[in-house]
Amino acid sequence: MTEKEIIRNGEGKNYNYSQDHCFIKLSSKNTNGELCFVEDKIKPGFFLPRHYHKIMTEVFYILEGEVQLIFDDVTLICKPGDTISIPPKIWHAAKCEKGGKMLSIFKNGQFDQYLEKLSQMSDSDFANKDLMKSVSAEFDIYTE
């Protein structure tokens, strides 16, 4: 990043999926892949399946609603103002039954580029398990 950047409320490249509406507040493209901020407007019924990262650290700051973060040994109910940091190699999943909002920070991850790639894929691409596994691995997301 060579210049200051401001992204106002409600702005930023956005990806509106069935469970989540993500606004990119800081792109990993501007930080040499070191950092990415995503504002997540979580839709009711949100579920993120169990996965882990080999390199990426995730930090979630809850802004609205209640988000369940599910680990192998505990389920945490996170409320507005709570912050949870998940280092690499920790299996986790997430649920948000009523919807909410959080800031997701990705260190050493390119989650914004993952969202961009997903936005360009077709329904048949999503149905192709081998392709999805490959795309996820490209962005340090592992389900097995």
N, C-alpha and C. Protein backbone atom coordinates (compact mmCIF):
# COMPACT_ATOMS: atom_id res chain seq x y z
N MET A 1 0.85 -1.16 0.00
CA MET A 1 0.00 0.00 0.00
C MET A 1 0.90 1.23 0.00
N THR A 2 0.68 2.10 -0.93
CA THR A 2 1.53 3.28 -1.03
C THR A 2 0.80 4.57 -0.71
N GLU A 3 -0.53 4.52 -0.65
CA GLU A 3 -1.31 5.71 -0.33
C GLU A 3 -2.38 5.36 0.69
N LYS A 4 -2.82 6.37 1.42
CA LYS A 4 -3.90 6.13 2.37
C LYS A 4 -5.18 5.80 1.60
N GLU A 5 -6.05 5.08 2.25
CA GLU A 5 -7.30 4.67 1.62
C GLU A 5 -8.40 4.73 2.66
N ILE A 6 -9.54 5.27 2.29
CA ILE A 6 -10.69 5.27 3.18
C ILE A 6 -11.85 4.60 2.47
N ILE A 7 -12.48 3.69 3.17
CA ILE A 7 -13.67 3.02 2.63
C ILE A 7 -14.78 3.31 3.63
N ARG A 8 -15.75 4.03 3.20
CA ARG A 8 -16.82 4.51 4.06
C ARG A 8 -17.82 3.40 4.39
N ASN A 9 -18.65 3.69 5.39
CA ASN A 9 -19.72 2.79 5.80
C ASN A 9 -20.59 2.43 4.59
N GLY A 10 -20.83 1.14 4.41
CA GLY A 10 -21.65 0.67 3.30
C GLY A 10 -20.90 0.57 1.98
N GLU A 11 -19.61 0.88 2.00
CA GLU A 11 -18.80 0.84 0.78
C GLU A 11 -17.80 -0.31 0.84
N GLY A 12 -17.12 -0.51 -0.25
CA GLY A 12 -16.12 -1.57 -0.39
C GLY A 12 -16.65 -2.59 -1.39
N LYS A 13 -15.73 -3.24 -2.06
CA LYS A 13 -16.14 -4.31 -2.98
C LYS A 13 -16.98 -5.29 -2.18
N ASN A 14 -18.12 -5.70 -2.73
CA ASN A 14 -18.98 -6.56 -1.92
C ASN A 14 -19.43 -7.79 -2.69
N TYR A 15 -19.66 -8.83 -1.90
CA TYR A 15 -20.09 -10.12 -2.41
C TYR A 15 -21.30 -10.53 -1.58
N ASN A 16 -22.43 -10.66 -2.24
CA ASN A 16 -23.69 -10.97 -1.56
C ASN A 16 -24.06 -12.42 -1.85
N TYR A 17 -23.77 -13.28 -0.88
CA TYR A 17 -24.05 -14.70 -1.01
C TYR A 17 -25.32 -15.06 -0.25
N SER A 18 -25.74 -16.29 -0.36
CA SER A 18 -27.00 -16.72 0.26
C SER A 18 -26.98 -16.57 1.78
N GLN A 19 -25.82 -16.72 2.42
CA GLN A 19 -25.74 -16.67 3.88
C GLN A 19 -25.05 -15.42 4.42
N ASP A 20 -24.40 -14.67 3.56
CA ASP A 20 -23.49 -13.64 4.03
C ASP A 20 -23.37 -12.55 2.97
N HIS A 21 -23.27 -11.30 3.42
CA HIS A 21 -22.99 -10.18 2.52
C HIS A 21 -21.69 -9.55 3.01
N CYS A 22 -20.62 -9.74 2.26
CA CYS A 22 -19.28 -9.33 2.67
C CYS A 22 -18.87 -8.05 1.95
N PHE A 23 -18.33 -7.11 2.72
CA PHE A 23 -17.76 -5.89 2.18
C PHE A 23 -16.26 -5.90 2.48
N ILE A 24 -15.44 -5.77 1.44
CA ILE A 24 -13.99 -5.75 1.63
C ILE A 24 -13.60 -4.36 2.09
N LYS A 25 -13.05 -4.28 3.29
CA LYS A 25 -12.64 -3.00 3.85
C LYS A 25 -11.15 -2.76 3.67
N LEU A 26 -10.37 -3.83 3.57
CA LEU A 26 -8.94 -3.75 3.25
C LEU A 26 -8.61 -5.00 2.46
N SER A 27 -8.17 -4.83 1.24
CA SER A 27 -7.85 -5.96 0.38
C SER A 27 -6.43 -6.46 0.63
N SER A 28 -6.28 -7.76 0.60
CA SER A 28 -4.94 -8.36 0.71
C SER A 28 -4.06 -7.94 -0.46
N LYS A 29 -4.68 -7.51 -1.56
CA LYS A 29 -3.91 -7.04 -2.72
C LYS A 29 -3.13 -5.78 -2.37
N ASN A 30 -3.61 -5.02 -1.37
CA ASN A 30 -2.95 -3.78 -0.98
C ASN A 30 -1.93 -3.99 0.15
N THR A 31 -1.81 -5.22 0.64
CA THR A 31 -0.92 -5.49 1.77
C THR A 31 0.03 -6.66 1.49
N ASN A 32 0.29 -6.91 0.24
CA ASN A 32 1.16 -8.03 -0.15
C ASN A 32 0.69 -9.36 0.44
N GLY A 33 -0.62 -9.52 0.57
CA GLY A 33 -1.20 -10.76 1.07
C GLY A 33 -1.09 -10.93 2.57
N GLU A 34 -0.65 -9.90 3.27
CA GLU A 34 -0.42 -10.02 4.71
C GLU A 34 -1.67 -9.79 5.56
N LEU A 35 -2.61 -8.98 5.06
CA LEU A 35 -3.74 -8.58 5.88
C LEU A 35 -4.96 -8.30 5.02
N CYS A 36 -6.12 -8.65 5.55
CA CYS A 36 -7.39 -8.43 4.85
C CYS A 36 -8.46 -8.18 5.92
N PHE A 37 -9.30 -7.15 5.73
CA PHE A 37 -10.43 -6.88 6.62
C PHE A 37 -11.71 -7.06 5.81
N VAL A 38 -12.66 -7.79 6.38
CA VAL A 38 -13.94 -8.01 5.72
C VAL A 38 -15.05 -7.71 6.73
N GLU A 39 -16.00 -6.86 6.33
CA GLU A 39 -17.20 -6.64 7.15
C GLU A 39 -18.24 -7.64 6.68
N ASP A 40 -18.68 -8.49 7.60
CA ASP A 40 -19.65 -9.54 7.29
C ASP A 40 -21.02 -9.15 7.83
N LYS A 41 -21.98 -8.98 6.94
CA LYS A 41 -23.37 -8.85 7.35
C LYS A 41 -23.97 -10.25 7.22
N ILE A 42 -24.02 -10.92 8.36
CA ILE A 42 -24.40 -12.33 8.39
C ILE A 42 -25.91 -12.46 8.32
N LYS A 43 -26.37 -13.28 7.40
CA LYS A 43 -27.81 -13.49 7.23
C LYS A 43 -28.30 -14.58 8.18
N PRO A 44 -29.57 -14.51 8.59
CA PRO A 44 -30.12 -15.55 9.47
C PRO A 44 -29.92 -16.95 8.88
N GLY A 45 -29.55 -17.88 9.75
CA GLY A 45 -29.31 -19.25 9.32
C GLY A 45 -27.90 -19.51 8.85
N PHE A 46 -27.00 -18.54 8.98
CA PHE A 46 -25.61 -18.68 8.54
C PHE A 46 -24.96 -19.91 9.17
N PHE A 47 -24.25 -20.67 8.34
CA PHE A 47 -23.45 -21.80 8.84
C PHE A 47 -22.19 -21.92 8.01
N LEU A 48 -21.05 -21.89 8.67
CA LEU A 48 -19.76 -22.08 8.04
C LEU A 48 -19.22 -23.42 8.51
N PRO A 49 -19.08 -24.40 7.61
CA PRO A 49 -18.66 -25.75 8.01
C PRO A 49 -17.26 -25.78 8.63
N ARG A 50 -17.01 -26.85 9.36
CA ARG A 50 -15.74 -27.10 10.05
C ARG A 50 -14.59 -27.08 9.05
N HIS A 51 -13.53 -26.32 9.41
CA HIS A 51 -12.36 -26.19 8.56
C HIS A 51 -11.19 -25.68 9.40
N TYR A 52 -10.02 -25.61 8.78
CA TYR A 52 -8.85 -25.01 9.43
C TYR A 52 -7.97 -24.38 8.35
N HIS A 53 -6.95 -23.65 8.81
CA HIS A 53 -5.99 -23.00 7.92
C HIS A 53 -4.58 -23.40 8.34
N LYS A 54 -3.72 -23.61 7.39
CA LYS A 54 -2.34 -23.97 7.71
C LYS A 54 -1.49 -22.74 8.03
N ILE A 55 -1.82 -21.61 7.42
CA ILE A 55 -1.02 -20.39 7.56
C ILE A 55 -1.81 -19.23 8.15
N MET A 56 -3.04 -19.09 7.75
CA MET A 56 -3.84 -17.91 8.07
C MET A 56 -4.30 -17.88 9.53
N THR A 57 -4.26 -16.69 10.11
CA THR A 57 -4.86 -16.41 11.40
C THR A 57 -6.13 -15.61 11.14
N GLU A 58 -7.22 -15.96 11.84
CA GLU A 58 -8.48 -15.22 11.71
C GLU A 58 -8.79 -14.55 13.03
N VAL A 59 -9.29 -13.33 12.95
CA VAL A 59 -9.76 -12.60 14.11
C VAL A 59 -11.17 -12.12 13.79
N PHE A 60 -12.11 -12.43 14.68
CA PHE A 60 -13.50 -12.00 14.50
C PHE A 60 -13.86 -11.03 15.61
N TYR A 61 -14.38 -9.88 15.24
CA TYR A 61 -14.88 -8.90 16.20
C TYR A 61 -16.39 -8.77 15.95
N ILE A 62 -17.17 -9.16 16.93
CA ILE A 62 -18.63 -9.19 16.77
C ILE A 62 -19.19 -7.78 16.96
N LEU A 63 -19.96 -7.34 15.99
CA LEU A 63 -20.58 -6.02 16.02
C LEU A 63 -22.06 -6.07 16.39
N GLU A 64 -22.77 -7.06 15.88
CA GLU A 64 -24.21 -7.21 16.14
C GLU A 64 -24.56 -8.69 16.19
N GLY A 65 -25.57 -9.04 17.00
CA GLY A 65 -26.07 -10.40 17.06
C GLY A 65 -25.18 -11.31 17.89
N GLU A 66 -25.48 -12.60 17.81
CA GLU A 66 -24.71 -13.63 18.50
C GLU A 66 -24.19 -14.63 17.48
N VAL A 67 -22.91 -14.91 17.56
CA VAL A 67 -22.26 -15.85 16.65
C VAL A 67 -21.70 -16.99 17.48
N GLN A 68 -22.03 -18.20 17.10
CA GLN A 68 -21.45 -19.39 17.75
C GLN A 68 -20.20 -19.79 16.99
N LEU A 69 -19.10 -19.87 17.71
CA LEU A 69 -17.86 -20.41 17.14
C LEU A 69 -17.65 -21.77 17.77
N ILE A 70 -17.56 -22.77 16.92
CA ILE A 70 -17.56 -24.16 17.35
C ILE A 70 -16.17 -24.75 17.13
N PHE A 71 -15.56 -25.19 18.23
CA PHE A 71 -14.25 -25.83 18.19
C PHE A 71 -14.43 -27.28 18.63
N ASP A 72 -13.39 -28.08 18.49
CA ASP A 72 -13.49 -29.49 18.87
C ASP A 72 -13.80 -29.67 20.35
N ASP A 73 -13.34 -28.74 21.19
CA ASP A 73 -13.49 -28.91 22.63
C ASP A 73 -14.49 -27.96 23.28
N VAL A 74 -15.01 -26.96 22.56
CA VAL A 74 -15.91 -25.99 23.16
C VAL A 74 -16.68 -25.23 22.07
N THR A 75 -17.87 -24.79 22.42
CA THR A 75 -18.63 -23.87 21.57
C THR A 75 -18.75 -22.56 22.33
N LEU A 76 -18.32 -21.47 21.68
CA LEU A 76 -18.37 -20.16 22.30
C LEU A 76 -19.53 -19.36 21.72
N ILE A 77 -20.28 -18.70 22.57
CA ILE A 77 -21.33 -17.77 22.13
C ILE A 77 -20.71 -16.38 22.21
N CYS A 78 -20.50 -15.77 21.05
CA CYS A 78 -19.85 -14.47 20.97
C CYS A 78 -20.89 -13.39 20.73
N LYS A 79 -20.80 -12.31 21.49
CA LYS A 79 -21.77 -11.22 21.45
C LYS A 79 -21.06 -9.93 21.08
N PRO A 80 -21.82 -8.86 20.77
CA PRO A 80 -21.21 -7.59 20.38
C PRO A 80 -20.12 -7.15 21.36
N GLY A 81 -18.99 -6.77 20.79
CA GLY A 81 -17.84 -6.36 21.57
C GLY A 81 -16.84 -7.47 21.83
N ASP A 82 -17.24 -8.72 21.59
CA ASP A 82 -16.33 -9.86 21.79
C ASP A 82 -15.39 -9.99 20.60
N THR A 83 -14.16 -10.40 20.91
CA THR A 83 -13.15 -10.68 19.89
C THR A 83 -12.64 -12.09 20.11
N ILE A 84 -12.53 -12.86 19.03
CA ILE A 84 -11.97 -14.21 19.11
C ILE A 84 -10.89 -14.31 18.05
N SER A 85 -9.73 -14.79 18.44
CA SER A 85 -8.61 -15.00 17.52
C SER A 85 -8.40 -16.49 17.34
N ILE A 86 -8.27 -16.90 16.09
CA ILE A 86 -8.09 -18.32 15.79
C ILE A 86 -6.78 -18.48 15.02
N PRO A 87 -5.78 -19.05 15.67
CA PRO A 87 -4.49 -19.25 15.00
C PRO A 87 -4.57 -20.38 13.98
N PRO A 88 -3.54 -20.52 13.16
CA PRO A 88 -3.51 -21.62 12.20
C PRO A 88 -3.63 -22.98 12.91
N LYS A 89 -4.14 -23.95 12.15
CA LYS A 89 -4.23 -25.36 12.55
C LYS A 89 -5.24 -25.63 13.66
N ILE A 90 -6.21 -24.74 13.84
CA ILE A 90 -7.29 -24.94 14.81
C ILE A 90 -8.58 -25.18 14.02
N TRP A 91 -9.17 -26.35 14.19
CA TRP A 91 -10.43 -26.67 13.53
C TRP A 91 -11.53 -25.80 14.12
N HIS A 92 -12.39 -25.24 13.24
CA HIS A 92 -13.48 -24.40 13.72
C HIS A 92 -14.61 -24.35 12.70
N ALA A 93 -15.78 -24.00 13.22
CA ALA A 93 -16.99 -23.78 12.41
C ALA A 93 -17.71 -22.59 13.04
N ALA A 94 -18.73 -22.08 12.35
CA ALA A 94 -19.48 -20.94 12.88
C ALA A 94 -20.93 -21.04 12.50
N LYS A 95 -21.79 -20.54 13.40
CA LYS A 95 -23.23 -20.48 13.17
C LYS A 95 -23.76 -19.15 13.66
N CYS A 96 -24.79 -18.66 12.99
CA CYS A 96 -25.47 -17.45 13.44
C CYS A 96 -26.94 -17.59 13.03
N GLU A 97 -27.75 -18.03 13.97
CA GLU A 97 -29.14 -18.35 13.66
C GLU A 97 -29.99 -17.13 13.31
N LYS A 98 -29.78 -16.02 14.00
CA LYS A 98 -30.66 -14.85 13.81
C LYS A 98 -30.04 -13.75 12.96
N GLY A 99 -28.82 -13.95 12.51
CA GLY A 99 -28.13 -12.92 11.73
C GLY A 99 -27.32 -12.01 12.63
N GLY A 100 -26.40 -11.29 12.05
CA GLY A 100 -25.56 -10.40 12.81
C GLY A 100 -24.57 -9.69 11.91
N LYS A 101 -23.56 -9.15 12.54
CA LYS A 101 -22.55 -8.40 11.80
C LYS A 101 -21.23 -8.54 12.55
N MET A 102 -20.14 -8.73 11.80
CA MET A 102 -18.83 -8.82 12.42
C MET A 102 -17.76 -8.31 11.47
N LEU A 103 -16.64 -7.93 12.04
CA LEU A 103 -15.46 -7.59 11.28
C LEU A 103 -14.55 -8.80 11.34
N SER A 104 -14.16 -9.30 10.19
CA SER A 104 -13.25 -10.45 10.11
C SER A 104 -11.91 -9.97 9.59
N ILE A 105 -10.86 -10.28 10.33
CA ILE A 105 -9.52 -9.88 9.97
C ILE A 105 -8.73 -11.14 9.66
N PHE A 106 -8.07 -11.15 8.52
CA PHE A 106 -7.31 -12.31 8.08
C PHE A 106 -5.85 -11.92 7.96
N LYS A 107 -5.00 -12.53 8.77
CA LYS A 107 -3.56 -12.29 8.69
C LYS A 107 -2.93 -13.42 7.89
N ASN A 108 -2.09 -13.06 6.95
CA ASN A 108 -1.45 -14.02 6.05
C ASN A 108 -2.48 -14.83 5.28
N GLY A 109 -3.53 -14.17 4.89
CA GLY A 109 -4.58 -14.83 4.11
C GLY A 109 -5.13 -13.89 3.05
N GLN A 110 -5.68 -14.46 2.04
CA GLN A 110 -6.23 -13.68 0.93
C GLN A 110 -7.71 -14.00 0.78
N PHE A 111 -8.43 -13.88 1.90
CA PHE A 111 -9.83 -14.27 1.91
C PHE A 111 -10.65 -13.42 0.93
N ASP A 112 -10.30 -12.17 0.76
CA ASP A 112 -11.00 -11.32 -0.20
C ASP A 112 -10.87 -11.87 -1.62
N GLN A 113 -9.70 -12.40 -1.94
CA GLN A 113 -9.50 -12.98 -3.27
C GLN A 113 -10.25 -14.30 -3.42
N TYR A 114 -10.40 -15.02 -2.33
CA TYR A 114 -11.23 -16.23 -2.32
C TYR A 114 -12.68 -15.86 -2.64
N LEU A 115 -13.20 -14.83 -1.98
CA LEU A 115 -14.57 -14.38 -2.24
C LEU A 115 -14.74 -13.94 -3.70
N GLU A 116 -13.73 -13.26 -4.21
CA GLU A 116 -13.78 -12.82 -5.61
C GLU A 116 -13.85 -14.03 -6.55
N LYS A 117 -13.03 -15.03 -6.28
CA LYS A 117 -13.04 -16.24 -7.12
C LYS A 117 -14.39 -16.95 -7.04
N LEU A 118 -14.93 -17.08 -5.82
CA LEU A 118 -16.24 -17.72 -5.67
C LEU A 118 -17.32 -16.98 -6.46
N SER A 119 -17.23 -15.66 -6.49
CA SER A 119 -18.25 -14.86 -7.18
C SER A 119 -18.25 -15.10 -8.69
N GLN A 120 -17.17 -15.65 -9.21
CA GLN A 120 -17.05 -15.89 -10.65
C GLN A 120 -17.39 -17.32 -11.04
N MET A 121 -17.73 -18.14 -10.05
CA MET A 121 -17.98 -19.55 -10.31
C MET A 121 -19.46 -19.81 -10.60
N SER A 122 -19.71 -20.86 -11.35
CA SER A 122 -21.07 -21.25 -11.71
C SER A 122 -21.61 -22.28 -10.72
N ASP A 123 -22.90 -22.55 -10.80
CA ASP A 123 -23.51 -23.57 -9.95
C ASP A 123 -22.86 -24.94 -10.18
N SER A 124 -22.52 -25.23 -11.43
CA SER A 124 -21.86 -26.52 -11.70
C SER A 124 -20.46 -26.56 -11.09
N ASP A 125 -19.77 -25.41 -11.04
CA ASP A 125 -18.47 -25.36 -10.37
C ASP A 125 -18.63 -25.71 -8.89
N PHE A 126 -19.64 -25.10 -8.24
CA PHE A 126 -19.88 -25.35 -6.83
C PHE A 126 -20.24 -26.82 -6.56
N ALA A 127 -20.86 -27.47 -7.52
CA ALA A 127 -21.25 -28.87 -7.37
C ALA A 127 -20.05 -29.82 -7.55
N ASN A 128 -18.97 -29.32 -8.13
CA ASN A 128 -17.78 -30.13 -8.40
C ASN A 128 -16.91 -30.15 -7.13
N LYS A 129 -16.98 -31.23 -6.36
CA LYS A 129 -16.29 -31.32 -5.07
C LYS A 129 -14.78 -31.21 -5.22
N ASP A 130 -14.21 -31.82 -6.25
CA ASP A 130 -12.76 -31.74 -6.44
C ASP A 130 -12.32 -30.31 -6.75
N LEU A 131 -13.09 -29.62 -7.58
CA LEU A 131 -12.78 -28.23 -7.89
C LEU A 131 -12.87 -27.37 -6.64
N MET A 132 -13.92 -27.55 -5.86
CA MET A 132 -14.10 -26.75 -4.65
C MET A 132 -12.98 -27.01 -3.65
N LYS A 133 -12.55 -28.25 -3.53
CA LYS A 133 -11.45 -28.59 -2.63
C LYS A 133 -10.17 -27.89 -3.10
N SER A 134 -9.93 -27.87 -4.40
CA SER A 134 -8.75 -27.23 -4.96
C SER A 134 -8.78 -25.72 -4.76
N VAL A 135 -9.92 -25.11 -5.02
CA VAL A 135 -10.06 -23.65 -4.83
C VAL A 135 -9.86 -23.29 -3.36
N SER A 136 -10.46 -24.05 -2.48
CA SER A 136 -10.30 -23.78 -1.05
C SER A 136 -8.84 -23.90 -0.63
N ALA A 137 -8.16 -24.94 -1.07
CA ALA A 137 -6.75 -25.14 -0.72
C ALA A 137 -5.87 -24.01 -1.26
N GLU A 138 -6.23 -23.50 -2.44
CA GLU A 138 -5.49 -22.37 -3.01
C GLU A 138 -5.49 -21.17 -2.06
N PHE A 139 -6.54 -21.05 -1.24
CA PHE A 139 -6.67 -19.93 -0.32
C PHE A 139 -6.55 -20.37 1.15
N ASP A 140 -5.85 -21.47 1.38
CA ASP A 140 -5.52 -21.94 2.73
C ASP A 140 -6.77 -22.31 3.56
N ILE A 141 -7.73 -22.96 2.93
CA ILE A 141 -8.94 -23.41 3.61
C ILE A 141 -9.03 -24.91 3.39
N TYR A 142 -9.03 -25.66 4.51
CA TYR A 142 -9.01 -27.12 4.43
C TYR A 142 -10.15 -27.70 5.26
N THR A 143 -10.84 -28.68 4.68
CA THR A 143 -11.97 -29.30 5.36
C THR A 143 -11.68 -30.75 5.74
N GLU A 144 -10.54 -31.28 5.39
CA GLU A 144 -10.18 -32.66 5.72
C GLU A 144 -8.79 -32.70 6.30
